Amino acid sequence: MRLALAALLLLACKAPATRPPVPDPQPAPARPPARAELDEPKATVIVETLRGSSFQPSLDLTPMEATVASGGTVSFSANMNYPEGIRYMRQPVKWEVMEAEGGAVTMHGLYTAPTAAGTFHVKVTRTDAQGQNLSRTATVTVK
């Protein structure tokens, strides 16, 4: 009996171990397109939608006039309409100060006055209304 048990143990040690099958590795997911690749087709669709419909884009700027102390800030707001079914992650507007030494304005319309007193202009332009020249300009008096 001991001999049979020893033979069984010897056979068990020499038998190859069975492992569950390893699945083939999954291919790596496709690389998402770069930001520029995403934005370009969307911009084309929006422009074509605006040109091919009866939609009339509008743009309003508030406030149109402001007085601020040197180095102070004014928050401007661009109000606009949108084509039906189109929404933006951020407003398609460009902000700029018209005078070289007239202060600065952020992409959100927050104007910071220069240290020098004077009269300056903040301009907002709607960028999705190609060829329609939609812009508004506010006058800022810095004291």
C-alpha atoms as a PDB file:
ATOM      1  CA  MET A   1       0.000   0.000   0.000  1.00  0.00           C
ATOM      2  CA  ARG A   2       2.817   2.375   0.833  1.00  0.00           C
ATOM      3  CA  LEU A   3       4.375   1.690  -2.528  1.00  0.00           C
ATOM      4  CA  ALA A   4       1.156   2.529  -4.387  1.00  0.00           C
ATOM      5  CA  LEU A   5       0.752   5.739  -2.408  1.00  0.00           C
ATOM      6  CA  ALA A   6       4.333   6.766  -3.131  1.00  0.00           C
ATOM      7  CA  ALA A   7       3.820   6.062  -6.839  1.00  0.00           C
ATOM      8  CA  LEU A   8       0.708   8.231  -6.857  1.00  0.00           C
ATOM      9  CA  LEU A   9       2.549  11.080  -5.155  1.00  0.00           C
ATOM     10  CA  LEU A  10       5.402  10.786  -7.638  1.00  0.00           C
ATOM     11  CA  LEU A  11       3.018  10.913 -10.592  1.00  0.00           C
ATOM     12  CA  ALA A  12       1.190  13.890  -9.124  1.00  0.00           C
ATOM     13  CA  CYS A  13       4.444  15.810  -8.775  1.00  0.00           C
ATOM     14  CA  LYS A  14       5.466  15.131 -12.369  1.00  0.00           C
ATOM     15  CA  ALA A  15       2.094  16.056 -13.905  1.00  0.00           C
ATOM     16  CA  PRO A  16       1.981  19.502 -15.440  1.00  0.00           C
ATOM     17  CA  ALA A  17      -0.067  22.021 -13.498  1.00  0.00           C
ATOM     18  CA  THR A  18      -3.223  23.128 -15.224  1.00  0.00           C
ATOM     19  CA  ARG A  19      -3.953  26.817 -15.283  1.00  0.00           C
ATOM     20  CA  PRO A  20      -7.004  28.574 -16.602  1.00  0.00           C
ATOM     21  CA  PRO A  21      -6.470  29.897 -20.111  1.00  0.00           C
ATOM     22  CA  VAL A  22      -5.170  33.470 -20.286  1.00  0.00           C
ATOM     23  CA  PRO A  23      -7.251  35.593 -22.636  1.00  0.00           C
ATOM     24  CA  ASP A  24      -5.515  37.425 -25.437  1.00  0.00           C
ATOM     25  CA  PRO A  25      -4.667  40.993 -24.431  1.00  0.00           C
ATOM     26  CA  GLN A  26      -7.257  43.516 -25.512  1.00  0.00           C
ATOM     27  CA  PRO A  27      -6.080  46.027 -28.092  1.00  0.00           C
ATOM     28  CA  ALA A  28      -5.488  49.497 -26.685  1.00  0.00           C
ATOM     29  CA  PRO A  29      -8.459  51.805 -27.150  1.00  0.00           C
ATOM     30  CA  ALA A  30      -8.142  54.298 -29.964  1.00  0.00           C
ATOM     31  CA  ARG A  31      -6.522  57.598 -29.004  1.00  0.00           C
ATOM     32  CA  PRO A  32      -9.107  60.348 -28.605  1.00  0.00           C
ATOM     33  CA  PRO A  33      -8.682  63.083 -31.187  1.00  0.00           C
ATOM     34  CA  ALA A  34      -6.603  66.084 -30.212  1.00  0.00           C
ATOM     35  CA  ARG A  35      -8.484  69.244 -29.176  1.00  0.00           C
ATOM     36  CA  ALA A  36      -7.829  70.942 -32.511  1.00  0.00           C
ATOM     37  CA  GLU A  37      -9.251  67.928 -34.326  1.00  0.00           C
ATOM     38  CA  LEU A  38     -12.426  68.151 -32.219  1.00  0.00           C
ATOM     39  CA  ASP A  39     -12.942  71.904 -32.527  1.00  0.00           C
ATOM     40  CA  GLU A  40     -12.476  72.317 -36.275  1.00  0.00           C
ATOM     41  CA  PRO A  41     -15.430  70.217 -37.511  1.00  0.00           C
ATOM     42  CA  LYS A  42     -17.748  71.698 -34.873  1.00  0.00           C
ATOM     43  CA  ALA A  43     -16.828  75.238 -35.908  1.00  0.00           C
ATOM     44  CA  THR A  44     -17.556  74.392 -39.542  1.00  0.00           C
ATOM     45  CA  VAL A  45     -20.966  72.968 -38.642  1.00  0.00           C
ATOM     46  CA  ILE A  46     -21.870  76.061 -36.606  1.00  0.00           C
ATOM     47  CA  VAL A  47     -20.848  78.474 -39.357  1.00  0.00           C
ATOM     48  CA  GLU A  48     -22.775  76.500 -41.982  1.00  0.00           C
ATOM     49  CA  THR A  49     -25.805  76.373 -39.686  1.00  0.00           C
ATOM     50  CA  LEU A  50     -25.724  80.141 -39.236  1.00  0.00           C
ATOM     51  CA  ARG A  51     -25.327  80.792 -42.978  1.00  0.00           C
ATOM     52  CA  GLY A  52     -27.972  78.318 -44.069  1.00  0.00           C
ATOM     53  CA  SER A  53     -30.785  79.293 -41.712  1.00  0.00           C
ATOM     54  CA  SER A  54     -32.967  82.248 -40.894  1.00  0.00           C
ATOM     55  CA  PHE A  55     -31.199  82.618 -37.532  1.00  0.00           C
ATOM     56  CA  GLN A  56     -30.095  86.197 -36.826  1.00  0.00           C
ATOM     57  CA  PRO A  57     -27.316  86.311 -34.214  1.00  0.00           C
ATOM     58  CA  SER A  58     -27.365  89.158 -31.705  1.00  0.00           C
ATOM     59  CA  LEU A  59     -24.933  90.538 -29.151  1.00  0.00           C
ATOM     60  CA  ASP A  60     -25.445  92.961 -26.263  1.00  0.00           C
ATOM     61  CA  LEU A  61     -22.850  94.300 -23.852  1.00  0.00           C
ATOM     62  CA  THR A  62     -23.485  95.478 -20.295  1.00  0.00           C
ATOM     63  CA  PRO A  63     -22.579  97.897 -18.920  1.00  0.00           C
ATOM     64  CA  MET A  64     -21.990 100.172 -21.909  1.00  0.00           C
ATOM     65  CA  GLU A  65     -20.340 102.819 -19.702  1.00  0.00           C
ATOM     66  CA  ALA A  66     -18.382 102.454 -16.474  1.00  0.00           C
ATOM     67  CA  THR A  67     -16.252 104.565 -14.176  1.00  0.00           C
ATOM     68  CA  VAL A  68     -13.521 102.912 -12.134  1.00  0.00           C
ATOM     69  CA  ALA A  69     -10.554 103.907  -9.980  1.00  0.00           C
ATOM     70  CA  SER A  70      -7.077 103.294 -11.365  1.00  0.00           C
ATOM     71  CA  GLY A  71      -6.158  99.629 -10.919  1.00  0.00           C
ATOM     72  CA  GLY A  72      -9.807  98.755 -10.212  1.00  0.00           C
ATOM     73  CA  THR A  73     -11.968  96.199 -12.018  1.00  0.00           C
ATOM     74  CA  VAL A  74     -15.254  96.175 -13.907  1.00  0.00           C
ATOM     75  CA  SER A  75     -17.128  93.002 -14.838  1.00  0.00           C
ATOM     76  CA  PHE A  76     -18.610  93.137 -18.338  1.00  0.00           C
ATOM     77  CA  SER A  77     -21.211  90.713 -19.627  1.00  0.00           C
ATOM     78  CA  ALA A  78     -21.902  89.666 -23.220  1.00  0.00           C
ATOM     79  CA  ASN A  79     -25.498  88.584 -23.775  1.00  0.00           C
ATOM     80  CA  MET A  80     -26.262  86.671 -26.953  1.00  0.00           C
ATOM     81  CA  ASN A  81     -28.765  84.364 -28.571  1.00  0.00           C
ATOM     82  CA  TYR A  82     -28.008  80.896 -29.912  1.00  0.00           C
ATOM     83  CA  PRO A  83     -29.218  78.916 -32.922  1.00  0.00           C
ATOM     84  CA  GLU A  84     -31.791  76.273 -32.068  1.00  0.00           C
ATOM     85  CA  GLY A  85     -30.137  73.054 -30.926  1.00  0.00           C
ATOM     86  CA  ILE A  86     -26.640  74.547 -30.568  1.00  0.00           C
ATOM     87  CA  ARG A  87     -25.015  75.096 -27.200  1.00  0.00           C
ATOM     88  CA  TYR A  88     -21.475  76.160 -26.367  1.00  0.00           C
ATOM     89  CA  MET A  89     -19.207  75.228 -23.454  1.00  0.00           C
ATOM     90  CA  ARG A  90     -18.250  78.900 -23.291  1.00  0.00           C
ATOM     91  CA  GLN A  91     -19.541  81.944 -25.108  1.00  0.00           C
ATOM     92  CA  PRO A  92     -18.001  82.378 -28.570  1.00  0.00           C
ATOM     93  CA  VAL A  93     -16.758  85.917 -27.933  1.00  0.00           C
ATOM     94  CA  LYS A  94     -13.438  87.718 -28.026  1.00  0.00           C
ATOM     95  CA  TRP A  95     -12.678  90.494 -25.535  1.00  0.00           C
ATOM     96  CA  GLU A  96     -10.126  93.253 -26.117  1.00  0.00           C
ATOM     97  CA  VAL A  97      -9.091  96.669 -24.854  1.00  0.00           C
ATOM     98  CA  MET A  98      -8.803  99.016 -27.817  1.00  0.00           C
ATOM     99  CA  GLU A  99      -6.016 101.236 -26.446  1.00  0.00           C
ATOM    100  CA  ALA A 100      -2.493  99.833 -26.008  1.00  0.00           C
ATOM    101  CA  GLU A 101      -2.117 101.222 -22.455  1.00  0.00           C
ATOM    102  CA  GLY A 102      -5.814 100.966 -21.606  1.00  0.00           C
ATOM    103  CA  GLY A 103      -5.712  98.102 -19.129  1.00  0.00           C
ATOM    104  CA  ALA A 104      -6.546  94.430 -19.649  1.00  0.00           C
ATOM    105  CA  VAL A 105      -9.633  92.261 -20.036  1.00  0.00           C
ATOM    106  CA  THR A 106      -9.940  88.500 -19.441  1.00  0.00           C
ATOM    107  CA  MET A 107     -11.743  85.983 -21.634  1.00  0.00           C
ATOM    108  CA  HIS A 108     -14.640  86.250 -19.165  1.00  0.00           C
ATOM    109  CA  GLY A 109     -15.020  90.032 -19.517  1.00  0.00           C
ATOM    110  CA  LEU A 110     -13.287  91.123 -16.304  1.00  0.00           C
ATOM    111  CA  TYR A 111     -11.581  94.438 -17.049  1.00  0.00           C
ATOM    112  CA  THR A 112      -8.660  95.723 -14.959  1.00  0.00           C
ATOM    113  CA  ALA A 113      -7.998  99.444 -15.310  1.00  0.00           C
ATOM    114  CA  PRO A 114      -4.504 100.826 -15.840  1.00  0.00           C
ATOM    115  CA  THR A 115      -2.834 103.029 -13.222  1.00  0.00           C
ATOM    116  CA  ALA A 116      -3.125 106.093 -15.479  1.00  0.00           C
ATOM    117  CA  ALA A 117      -6.386 108.026 -15.641  1.00  0.00           C
ATOM    118  CA  GLY A 118      -8.176 108.364 -18.973  1.00  0.00           C
ATOM    119  CA  THR A 119     -10.991 107.151 -21.200  1.00  0.00           C
ATOM    120  CA  PHE A 120     -10.635 103.647 -22.641  1.00  0.00           C
ATOM    121  CA  HIS A 121     -12.747 101.204 -24.648  1.00  0.00           C
ATOM    122  CA  VAL A 122     -13.514  97.518 -24.105  1.00  0.00           C
ATOM    123  CA  LYS A 123     -14.727  95.682 -27.203  1.00  0.00           C
ATOM    124  CA  VAL A 124     -16.474  92.311 -27.390  1.00  0.00           C
ATOM    125  CA  THR A 125     -16.875  90.520 -30.739  1.00  0.00           C
ATOM    126  CA  ARG A 126     -19.044  87.505 -31.424  1.00  0.00           C
ATOM    127  CA  THR A 127     -16.779  84.927 -33.109  1.00  0.00           C
ATOM    128  CA  ASP A 128     -19.358  82.439 -34.416  1.00  0.00           C
ATOM    129  CA  ALA A 129     -21.163  84.947 -36.667  1.00  0.00           C
ATOM    130  CA  GLN A 130     -18.633  84.965 -39.509  1.00  0.00           C
ATOM    131  CA  GLY A 131     -19.006  87.923 -41.855  1.00  0.00           C
ATOM    132  CA  GLN A 132     -21.649  89.644 -39.741  1.00  0.00           C
ATOM    133  CA  ASN A 133     -19.313  91.938 -37.779  1.00  0.00           C
ATOM    134  CA  LEU A 134     -21.182  91.655 -34.486  1.00  0.00           C
ATOM    135  CA  SER A 135     -19.318  93.642 -31.869  1.00  0.00           C
ATOM    136  CA  ARG A 136     -20.107  96.116 -29.111  1.00  0.00           C
ATOM    137  CA  THR A 137     -17.828  98.619 -27.414  1.00  0.00           C
ATOM    138  CA  ALA A 138     -18.093  99.978 -23.874  1.00  0.00           C
ATOM    139  CA  THR A 139     -16.498 103.193 -22.656  1.00  0.00           C
ATOM    140  CA  VAL A 140     -14.527 103.055 -19.397  1.00  0.00           C
ATOM    141  CA  THR A 141     -13.474 106.195 -17.550  1.00  0.00           C
ATOM    142  CA  VAL A 142     -10.530 105.615 -15.229  1.00  0.00           C
ATOM    143  CA  LYS A 143     -10.090 108.242 -12.448  1.00  0.00           C
END
